[in-house]
Amino acid sequence: MTRLDFTVDSPSGNQIEVLFTFNADMAEMYFGSTTINVDSGTAMYMLRQKETMPQGKAWGESFPSVVNHTSSSVARHHPDFIAAKNGDFDAAIRLVNDLVKDDKVMEVAELYPDAHIAYIHRMQGERINMIPAAYAAKFAALEMNVEHDIIAITNVSHTNASDIDRLGRRVRFDGEVTKGASYIILDDFITSGAELRDMRDYISSKGGAMWWPSQHLGTAVSEDSVT
């Protein structure tokens, strides 16, 4: 079954036509002249959300820079990194306490005291990566409003994926969003910003308001950055 679906804005300002061809378990996504494979669930989700969830919108030049705390190498060599990535919240707390700079957290909290905190809460293999949740606890300790109900409902691996593959492997979210609230989005590592984009799009489709700085535990902007 082939269907004409929607268009997306390209970086040059032109619109690119998108359509899907569905097979038994997978779908082919025709993105301009590029074809990529996506799972059928993700394809159907994109179609259901097309009116309210912009596909791959740029963050805008006025969007603040990502706030970094350490390098990817330092984070990955921390003795609690593997355990934290695989569901150990206590290990994640120790890692965050060692690597997150409290003065940067305080600066963001002082700049945006009324913002709500949302973090990427998703599976890492068969377990939940607890680092973003431990990071969010830093803001909770400052009595900021941390929302725990927004969760990723697909287990999508973006490790070593190209940017075009990241577009196809969209992370689907579910959970309650506070309408009209402004959000700060947290994650442990940021590469292309695909997961933050997907979370932003979900929150926006549910009535979330302005976007403020994404927080970033790992990797410097020179290595990993959000567009």
C-alpha atoms as a PDB file:
ATOM      1  CA  MET A   1       0.000   0.000   0.000  1.00  0.00           C
ATOM      2  CA  THR A   2       1.506   3.332  -1.043  1.00  0.00           C
ATOM      3  CA  ARG A   3       0.099   6.635   0.106  1.00  0.00           C
ATOM      4  CA  LEU A   4       1.048  10.299  -0.277  1.00  0.00           C
ATOM      5  CA  ASP A   5       1.531  11.433   3.288  1.00  0.00           C
ATOM      6  CA  PHE A   6       3.018  14.824   4.093  1.00  0.00           C
ATOM      7  CA  THR A   7       5.823  17.260   3.384  1.00  0.00           C
ATOM      8  CA  VAL A   8       8.657  18.458   5.614  1.00  0.00           C
ATOM      9  CA  ASP A   9      10.769  21.584   5.511  1.00  0.00           C
ATOM     10  CA  SER A  10      14.343  21.107   4.317  1.00  0.00           C
ATOM     11  CA  PRO A  11      17.260  23.177   5.683  1.00  0.00           C
ATOM     12  CA  SER A  12      17.200  25.208   2.455  1.00  0.00           C
ATOM     13  CA  GLY A  13      13.580  26.184   3.056  1.00  0.00           C
ATOM     14  CA  ASN A  14      12.115  23.945   0.359  1.00  0.00           C
ATOM     15  CA  GLN A  15       9.516  21.292   1.120  1.00  0.00           C
ATOM     16  CA  ILE A  16      10.325  17.606   0.648  1.00  0.00           C
ATOM     17  CA  GLU A  17       7.573  15.115  -0.090  1.00  0.00           C
ATOM     18  CA  VAL A  18       7.353  12.111   2.224  1.00  0.00           C
ATOM     19  CA  LEU A  19       5.483   8.892   1.594  1.00  0.00           C
ATOM     20  CA  PHE A  20       5.526   5.343   2.928  1.00  0.00           C
ATOM     21  CA  THR A  21       5.268   1.887   1.392  1.00  0.00           C
ATOM     22  CA  PHE A  22       4.056  -0.638   3.975  1.00  0.00           C
ATOM     23  CA  ASN A  23       5.094  -4.286   4.029  1.00  0.00           C
ATOM     24  CA  ALA A  24       4.344  -6.984   6.598  1.00  0.00           C
ATOM     25  CA  ASP A  25       6.469  -5.697   9.502  1.00  0.00           C
ATOM     26  CA  MET A  26       8.430  -2.808   8.036  1.00  0.00           C
ATOM     27  CA  ALA A  27       7.820   0.254   5.932  1.00  0.00           C
ATOM     28  CA  GLU A  28       9.950   2.128   3.443  1.00  0.00           C
ATOM     29  CA  MET A  29      10.041   5.871   3.960  1.00  0.00           C
ATOM     30  CA  TYR A  30      10.642   7.876   0.804  1.00  0.00           C
ATOM     31  CA  PHE A  31      12.200  11.135   1.966  1.00  0.00           C
ATOM     32  CA  GLY A  32      12.880  13.147  -1.177  1.00  0.00           C
ATOM     33  CA  SER A  33      15.406  11.078  -3.129  1.00  0.00           C
ATOM     34  CA  THR A  34      16.398   9.039  -0.053  1.00  0.00           C
ATOM     35  CA  THR A  35      14.766   5.767   0.984  1.00  0.00           C
ATOM     36  CA  ILE A  36      15.111   4.419   4.516  1.00  0.00           C
ATOM     37  CA  ASN A  37      13.559   1.482   6.359  1.00  0.00           C
ATOM     38  CA  VAL A  38      11.439   2.134   9.451  1.00  0.00           C
ATOM     39  CA  ASP A  39       9.333  -0.170  11.578  1.00  0.00           C
ATOM     40  CA  SER A  40       5.617  -0.070  10.757  1.00  0.00           C
ATOM     41  CA  GLY A  41       4.693   1.159  14.236  1.00  0.00           C
ATOM     42  CA  THR A  42       6.935   4.197  13.890  1.00  0.00           C
ATOM     43  CA  ALA A  43       5.588   4.903  10.408  1.00  0.00           C
ATOM     44  CA  MET A  44       1.978   4.761  11.608  1.00  0.00           C
ATOM     45  CA  TYR A  45       2.836   6.948  14.585  1.00  0.00           C
ATOM     46  CA  MET A  46       4.325   9.580  12.278  1.00  0.00           C
ATOM     47  CA  LEU A  47       1.180   9.490  10.161  1.00  0.00           C
ATOM     48  CA  ARG A  48      -1.117   9.848  13.177  1.00  0.00           C
ATOM     49  CA  GLN A  49       0.921  12.761  14.471  1.00  0.00           C
ATOM     50  CA  LYS A  50       1.453  14.580  11.193  1.00  0.00           C
ATOM     51  CA  GLU A  51      -1.081  17.348  11.912  1.00  0.00           C
ATOM     52  CA  THR A  52       0.185  18.158  15.402  1.00  0.00           C
ATOM     53  CA  MET A  53       3.776  16.928  15.491  1.00  0.00           C
ATOM     54  CA  PRO A  54       6.156  18.762  13.134  1.00  0.00           C
ATOM     55  CA  GLN A  55       8.666  16.461  11.491  1.00  0.00           C
ATOM     56  CA  GLY A  56      12.296  17.456  12.062  1.00  0.00           C
ATOM     57  CA  LYS A  57      11.786  21.181  12.576  1.00  0.00           C
ATOM     58  CA  ALA A  58      14.923  23.198  13.245  1.00  0.00           C
ATOM     59  CA  TRP A  59      15.433  24.499  16.759  1.00  0.00           C
ATOM     60  CA  GLY A  60      15.903  28.042  15.518  1.00  0.00           C
ATOM     61  CA  GLU A  61      18.912  30.318  15.812  1.00  0.00           C
ATOM     62  CA  SER A  62      17.534  31.975  18.947  1.00  0.00           C
ATOM     63  CA  PHE A  63      17.417  28.662  20.821  1.00  0.00           C
ATOM     64  CA  PRO A  64      20.036  28.694  23.631  1.00  0.00           C
ATOM     65  CA  SER A  65      23.111  26.520  23.402  1.00  0.00           C
ATOM     66  CA  VAL A  66      23.263  23.098  24.995  1.00  0.00           C
ATOM     67  CA  VAL A  67      24.700  23.203  28.526  1.00  0.00           C
ATOM     68  CA  ASN A  68      27.540  20.698  28.844  1.00  0.00           C
ATOM     69  CA  HIS A  69      29.065  19.273  32.007  1.00  0.00           C
ATOM     70  CA  THR A  70      31.770  16.840  30.904  1.00  0.00           C
ATOM     71  CA  SER A  71      33.179  14.880  27.977  1.00  0.00           C
ATOM     72  CA  SER A  72      31.865  11.609  26.608  1.00  0.00           C
ATOM     73  CA  SER A  73      35.154   9.918  27.446  1.00  0.00           C
ATOM     74  CA  VAL A  74      35.015  10.943  31.108  1.00  0.00           C
ATOM     75  CA  ALA A  75      31.372   9.887  31.420  1.00  0.00           C
ATOM     76  CA  ARG A  76      31.893   6.495  29.773  1.00  0.00           C
ATOM     77  CA  HIS A  77      34.915   5.713  31.964  1.00  0.00           C
ATOM     78  CA  HIS A  78      33.147   6.534  35.216  1.00  0.00           C
ATOM     79  CA  PRO A  79      32.979   3.373  37.371  1.00  0.00           C
ATOM     80  CA  ASP A  80      29.192   3.648  37.687  1.00  0.00           C
ATOM     81  CA  PHE A  81      28.459   4.368  34.018  1.00  0.00           C
ATOM     82  CA  ILE A  82      27.491   0.864  32.858  1.00  0.00           C
ATOM     83  CA  ALA A  83      25.356   0.150  35.916  1.00  0.00           C
ATOM     84  CA  ALA A  84      23.619   3.521  35.607  1.00  0.00           C
ATOM     85  CA  LYS A  85      22.887   2.905  31.940  1.00  0.00           C
ATOM     86  CA  ASN A  86      21.377  -0.441  32.872  1.00  0.00           C
ATOM     87  CA  GLY A  87      18.881   0.577  35.498  1.00  0.00           C
ATOM     88  CA  ASP A  88      20.832   1.193  38.721  1.00  0.00           C
ATOM     89  CA  PHE A  89      19.498   4.512  40.044  1.00  0.00           C
ATOM     90  CA  ASP A  90      21.969   4.665  42.941  1.00  0.00           C
ATOM     91  CA  ALA A  91      24.850   4.289  40.483  1.00  0.00           C
ATOM     92  CA  ALA A  92      23.326   7.032  38.333  1.00  0.00           C
ATOM     93  CA  ILE A  93      23.102   9.355  41.339  1.00  0.00           C
ATOM     94  CA  ARG A  94      26.784   8.792  42.127  1.00  0.00           C
ATOM     95  CA  LEU A  95      27.760   9.430  38.505  1.00  0.00           C
ATOM     96  CA  VAL A  96      25.689  12.611  38.311  1.00  0.00           C
ATOM     97  CA  ASN A  97      27.037  13.880  41.623  1.00  0.00           C
ATOM     98  CA  ASP A  98      30.584  13.374  40.341  1.00  0.00           C
ATOM     99  CA  LEU A  99      30.129  14.852  36.865  1.00  0.00           C
ATOM    100  CA  VAL A 100      27.348  17.440  36.890  1.00  0.00           C
ATOM    101  CA  LYS A 101      28.489  20.945  37.791  1.00  0.00           C
ATOM    102  CA  ASP A 102      26.155  22.362  40.419  1.00  0.00           C
ATOM    103  CA  ASP A 103      26.885  25.968  39.446  1.00  0.00           C
ATOM    104  CA  LYS A 104      25.562  25.307  35.927  1.00  0.00           C
ATOM    105  CA  VAL A 105      22.413  23.690  37.301  1.00  0.00           C
ATOM    106  CA  MET A 106      21.896  26.685  39.600  1.00  0.00           C
ATOM    107  CA  GLU A 107      22.399  29.102  36.715  1.00  0.00           C
ATOM    108  CA  VAL A 108      19.724  27.427  34.590  1.00  0.00           C
ATOM    109  CA  ALA A 109      17.342  27.191  37.554  1.00  0.00           C
ATOM    110  CA  GLU A 110      17.785  30.895  38.304  1.00  0.00           C
ATOM    111  CA  LEU A 111      17.249  31.882  34.678  1.00  0.00           C
ATOM    112  CA  TYR A 112      14.105  29.753  34.257  1.00  0.00           C
ATOM    113  CA  PRO A 113      12.557  29.204  37.707  1.00  0.00           C
ATOM    114  CA  ASP A 114       9.065  28.454  36.389  1.00  0.00           C
ATOM    115  CA  ALA A 115      10.119  25.925  33.751  1.00  0.00           C
ATOM    116  CA  HIS A 116       9.097  22.295  33.983  1.00  0.00           C
ATOM    117  CA  ILE A 117      11.804  19.636  33.714  1.00  0.00           C
ATOM    118  CA  ALA A 118      11.342  16.708  31.315  1.00  0.00           C
ATOM    119  CA  TYR A 119      13.980  14.058  30.711  1.00  0.00           C
ATOM    120  CA  ILE A 120      14.533  11.246  28.231  1.00  0.00           C
ATOM    121  CA  HIS A 121      13.201   8.192  30.077  1.00  0.00           C
ATOM    122  CA  ARG A 122      13.695   5.142  27.872  1.00  0.00           C
ATOM    123  CA  MET A 123      14.954   1.599  27.677  1.00  0.00           C
ATOM    124  CA  GLN A 124      18.690   0.935  27.296  1.00  0.00           C
ATOM    125  CA  GLY A 125      18.624  -2.578  25.865  1.00  0.00           C
ATOM    126  CA  GLU A 126      16.384  -4.483  28.264  1.00  0.00           C
ATOM    127  CA  ARG A 127      16.737  -1.994  31.140  1.00  0.00           C
ATOM    128  CA  ILE A 128      15.986   1.675  31.702  1.00  0.00           C
ATOM    129  CA  ASN A 129      18.810   4.202  31.427  1.00  0.00           C
ATOM    130  CA  MET A 130      18.652   5.977  34.804  1.00  0.00           C
ATOM    131  CA  ILE A 131      21.189   8.755  34.151  1.00  0.00           C
ATOM    132  CA  PRO A 132      18.682  11.361  32.887  1.00  0.00           C
ATOM    133  CA  ALA A 133      16.387  10.649  35.871  1.00  0.00           C
ATOM    134  CA  ALA A 134      19.292  11.107  38.276  1.00  0.00           C
ATOM    135  CA  TYR A 135      20.172  14.333  36.483  1.00  0.00           C
ATOM    136  CA  ALA A 136      16.586  15.536  36.889  1.00  0.00           C
ATOM    137  CA  ALA A 137      16.909  14.924  40.638  1.00  0.00           C
ATOM    138  CA  LYS A 138      19.369  17.824  40.733  1.00  0.00           C
ATOM    139  CA  PHE A 139      16.573  20.145  39.636  1.00  0.00           C
ATOM    140  CA  ALA A 140      14.036  18.505  41.923  1.00  0.00           C
ATOM    141  CA  ALA A 141      16.363  19.284  44.843  1.00  0.00           C
ATOM    142  CA  LEU A 142      16.001  22.948  43.875  1.00  0.00           C
ATOM    143  CA  GLU A 143      12.211  22.517  44.103  1.00  0.00           C
ATOM    144  CA  MET A 144      11.711  22.792  40.360  1.00  0.00           C
ATOM    145  CA  ASN A 145       8.779  20.937  38.801  1.00  0.00           C
ATOM    146  CA  VAL A 146      10.119  17.650  37.410  1.00  0.00           C
ATOM    147  CA  GLU A 147       7.652  15.669  35.309  1.00  0.00           C
ATOM    148  CA  HIS A 148       8.167  11.899  35.419  1.00  0.00           C
ATOM    149  CA  ASP A 149       5.149  10.827  33.344  1.00  0.00           C
ATOM    150  CA  ILE A 150       6.553  11.505  29.872  1.00  0.00           C
ATOM    151  CA  ILE A 151       8.215   8.279  28.755  1.00  0.00           C
ATOM    152  CA  ALA A 152       9.587   6.801  25.553  1.00  0.00           C
ATOM    153  CA  ILE A 153       7.426   3.883  24.470  1.00  0.00           C
ATOM    154  CA  THR A 154       9.758   2.578  21.769  1.00  0.00           C
ATOM    155  CA  ASN A 155      13.183   1.044  22.306  1.00  0.00           C
ATOM    156  CA  VAL A 156      15.108   2.813  19.548  1.00  0.00           C
ATOM    157  CA  SER A 157      18.873   2.443  19.188  1.00  0.00           C
ATOM    158  CA  HIS A 158      20.613   5.506  17.765  1.00  0.00           C
ATOM    159  CA  THR A 159      24.133   4.287  18.540  1.00  0.00           C
ATOM    160  CA  ASN A 160      26.377   4.842  15.495  1.00  0.00           C
ATOM    161  CA  ALA A 161      23.312   5.631  13.361  1.00  0.00           C
ATOM    162  CA  SER A 162      23.480   8.187  10.564  1.00  0.00           C
ATOM    163  CA  ASP A 163      21.385  11.350  10.733  1.00  0.00           C
ATOM    164  CA  ILE A 164      18.964  10.030   8.111  1.00  0.00           C
ATOM    165  CA  ASP A 165      18.571   6.777  10.067  1.00  0.00           C
ATOM    166  CA  ARG A 166      17.882   8.785  13.216  1.00  0.00           C
ATOM    167  CA  LEU A 167      15.065  10.509  11.354  1.00  0.00           C
ATOM    168  CA  GLY A 168      13.521   7.157  10.495  1.00  0.00           C
ATOM    169  CA  ARG A 169      14.031   5.622  13.948  1.00  0.00           C
ATOM    170  CA  ARG A 170      11.779   8.103  15.675  1.00  0.00           C
ATOM    171  CA  VAL A 171      11.290   7.763  19.399  1.00  0.00           C
ATOM    172  CA  ARG A 172       7.619   7.638  20.344  1.00  0.00           C
ATOM    173  CA  PHE A 173       6.515   9.181  23.625  1.00  0.00           C
ATOM    174  CA  ASP A 174       3.454   8.976  25.828  1.00  0.00           C
ATOM    175  CA  GLY A 175       2.399  10.622  29.076  1.00  0.00           C
ATOM    176  CA  GLU A 176       0.794  13.721  30.483  1.00  0.00           C
ATOM    177  CA  VAL A 177       2.034  17.161  29.431  1.00  0.00           C
ATOM    178  CA  THR A 178       1.211  20.361  31.312  1.00  0.00           C
ATOM    179  CA  LYS A 179      -0.468  22.615  28.764  1.00  0.00           C
ATOM    180  CA  GLY A 180       1.045  26.056  28.523  1.00  0.00           C
ATOM    181  CA  ALA A 181       4.124  25.127  30.556  1.00  0.00           C
ATOM    182  CA  SER A 182       7.641  25.839  29.338  1.00  0.00           C
ATOM    183  CA  TYR A 183      10.058  22.928  29.411  1.00  0.00           C
ATOM    184  CA  ILE A 184      13.747  22.235  29.919  1.00  0.00           C
ATOM    185  CA  ILE A 185      14.690  18.896  28.357  1.00  0.00           C
ATOM    186  CA  LEU A 186      17.415  16.709  29.858  1.00  0.00           C
ATOM    187  CA  ASP A 187      19.431  13.837  28.440  1.00  0.00           C
ATOM    188  CA  ASP A 188      22.760  12.179  29.159  1.00  0.00           C
ATOM    189  CA  PHE A 189      24.300  12.348  25.666  1.00  0.00           C
ATOM    190  CA  ILE A 190      23.334  14.519  22.709  1.00  0.00           C
ATOM    191  CA  THR A 191      24.526  13.783  19.197  1.00  0.00           C
ATOM    192  CA  SER A 192      22.189  14.895  16.404  1.00  0.00           C
ATOM    193  CA  GLY A 193      19.498  15.929  18.911  1.00  0.00           C
ATOM    194  CA  ALA A 194      17.033  13.457  17.352  1.00  0.00           C
ATOM    195  CA  GLU A 195      15.618  12.178  20.642  1.00  0.00           C
ATOM    196  CA  LEU A 196      15.292  15.680  22.078  1.00  0.00           C
ATOM    197  CA  ARG A 197      13.548  16.707  18.862  1.00  0.00           C
ATOM    198  CA  ASP A 198      11.100  13.827  19.179  1.00  0.00           C
ATOM    199  CA  MET A 199      10.376  14.686  22.805  1.00  0.00           C
ATOM    200  CA  ARG A 200       9.997  18.359  21.944  1.00  0.00           C
ATOM    201  CA  ASP A 201       7.596  17.501  19.140  1.00  0.00           C
ATOM    202  CA  TYR A 202       5.531  15.284  21.446  1.00  0.00           C
ATOM    203  CA  ILE A 203       5.311  17.881  24.219  1.00  0.00           C
ATOM    204  CA  SER A 204       4.498  20.593  21.673  1.00  0.00           C
ATOM    205  CA  SER A 205       1.709  18.457  20.192  1.00  0.00           C
ATOM    206  CA  LYS A 206       0.205  18.150  23.674  1.00  0.00           C
ATOM    207  CA  GLY A 207       0.227  21.869  24.403  1.00  0.00           C
ATOM    208  CA  GLY A 208       3.660  22.489  25.897  1.00  0.00           C
ATOM    209  CA  ALA A 209       4.889  26.026  25.353  1.00  0.00           C
ATOM    210  CA  MET A 210       8.317  27.620  24.844  1.00  0.00           C
ATOM    211  CA  TRP A 211      11.571  25.701  24.749  1.00  0.00           C
ATOM    212  CA  TRP A 212      14.505  26.493  26.979  1.00  0.00           C
ATOM    213  CA  PRO A 213      18.015  25.050  27.129  1.00  0.00           C
ATOM    214  CA  SER A 214      18.400  21.333  26.739  1.00  0.00           C
ATOM    215  CA  GLN A 215      20.672  19.954  29.399  1.00  0.00           C
ATOM    216  CA  HIS A 216      23.492  17.650  28.505  1.00  0.00           C
ATOM    217  CA  LEU A 217      25.464  15.485  30.905  1.00  0.00           C
ATOM    218  CA  GLY A 218      27.940  14.113  28.397  1.00  0.00           C
ATOM    219  CA  THR A 219      30.084  15.100  25.430  1.00  0.00           C
ATOM    220  CA  ALA A 220      31.264  18.525  24.458  1.00  0.00           C
ATOM    221  CA  VAL A 221      29.566  20.465  21.672  1.00  0.00           C
ATOM    222  CA  SER A 222      32.574  19.908  19.451  1.00  0.00           C
ATOM    223  CA  GLU A 223      31.860  16.165  19.527  1.00  0.00           C
ATOM    224  CA  ASP A 224      28.100  16.002  19.986  1.00  0.00           C
ATOM    225  CA  SER A 225      25.625  18.797  19.509  1.00  0.00           C
ATOM    226  CA  VAL A 226      21.963  19.542  18.993  1.00  0.00           C
ATOM    227  CA  THR A 227      20.822  21.423  15.927  1.00  0.00           C
END
